[in-house]
């Protein structure tokens, strides 16, 4: 869902692409060559503008659906986190199989399974996203949706830390400041909760690592292939969980009426659609824009938790969230400044060509 570790090799807060595909192109505008900066034809500019608008709409659709996901879990009551996630995996696999058949993409699926590197990487990604899904669903269904939103707010900070400790990247001053402020925020929130905000930290690190692992696959698999392989890996475990819940009488899939059954069955569509929207958005937008759109989901989750679920926010928690938002402001400012500097560098390079 939502926000993602840096996928363009920088440590700026970009979206953790669940689909694993992100385009480094700048709004898809083709550039001319020659002794000076070539003027972009009006027709090309119009096409690029349309692509950008389409990408933004797809991005808003993806992050909007992820942000409103707590409402879906809310109407699934009394289903618990394990049952919801198990159904989500099984029905997603069936929905993906339908999409693959319609789009005739079975050869791509077969190629992914035959490639040990791709399959192994996606299997690891599947484990990480399973941890993320169970933790997120548990948080929402147990009245802790505010803390789940916190996890996706601090996710960009985790991306920066992964860049430092795993990719050995060097941080810019504003990024160091943001990380330092983020640690202060965790301390404040630990005090306000009376314990480590483990739900938020688990979500942030599992999704951060998920995006990092998916980056290793890169453009070798598209969003549908990636989701299909991951759900295939998780499907046997999910099926066993559904059987155990049914045998022990804890399952609600068939015991709470047809409406509840179809709501759970719809989890396949609800899981796949935003991922496909995100893939369509990432192919059309620069990573700077994706990085800004990623905050849309946790903001919506936070609003839903306060307005719909009526979860309490103590003054100490407001302070903690305020410190987190300050860290994100610093990261965003650094990201925009870096993007502007890179754009100037590219412009000068084209002028000198």
Foldseek 3Di string as FASTA:
>chain_A
DFAEFDLPLDLFGFRLALFQEFDQDALPQDWDADQAGDDGDPVSVVVSVVLQVLLVVLLCVLLVLLQCVLVLLVVLPPDALLLLLLLLLQLLLVVLVVVCVVVVVVVLLVVQVVDPLNLVLLQVLLVLVSLLSSLQSNCSNVLNLLLQLLLLLCLSLLSSVCCCPPVVDDDDPLNVVLNVLLVVLQVLVCVVVVHRSVSSVSNSNSRHVSSVSSSVCHPSHGRSSSSNSSSVSCNVVSVVSQVVCVVVVNDDLPPPDPVSVVSSSCSSVSVRSSSVSNRSSSHRHRRLVSSVSSSSNSVSSNCCSCPVVVRDADPSNVVSVVSSVVSVVSSNVVSVVVVVVVVVVVNVVSNND
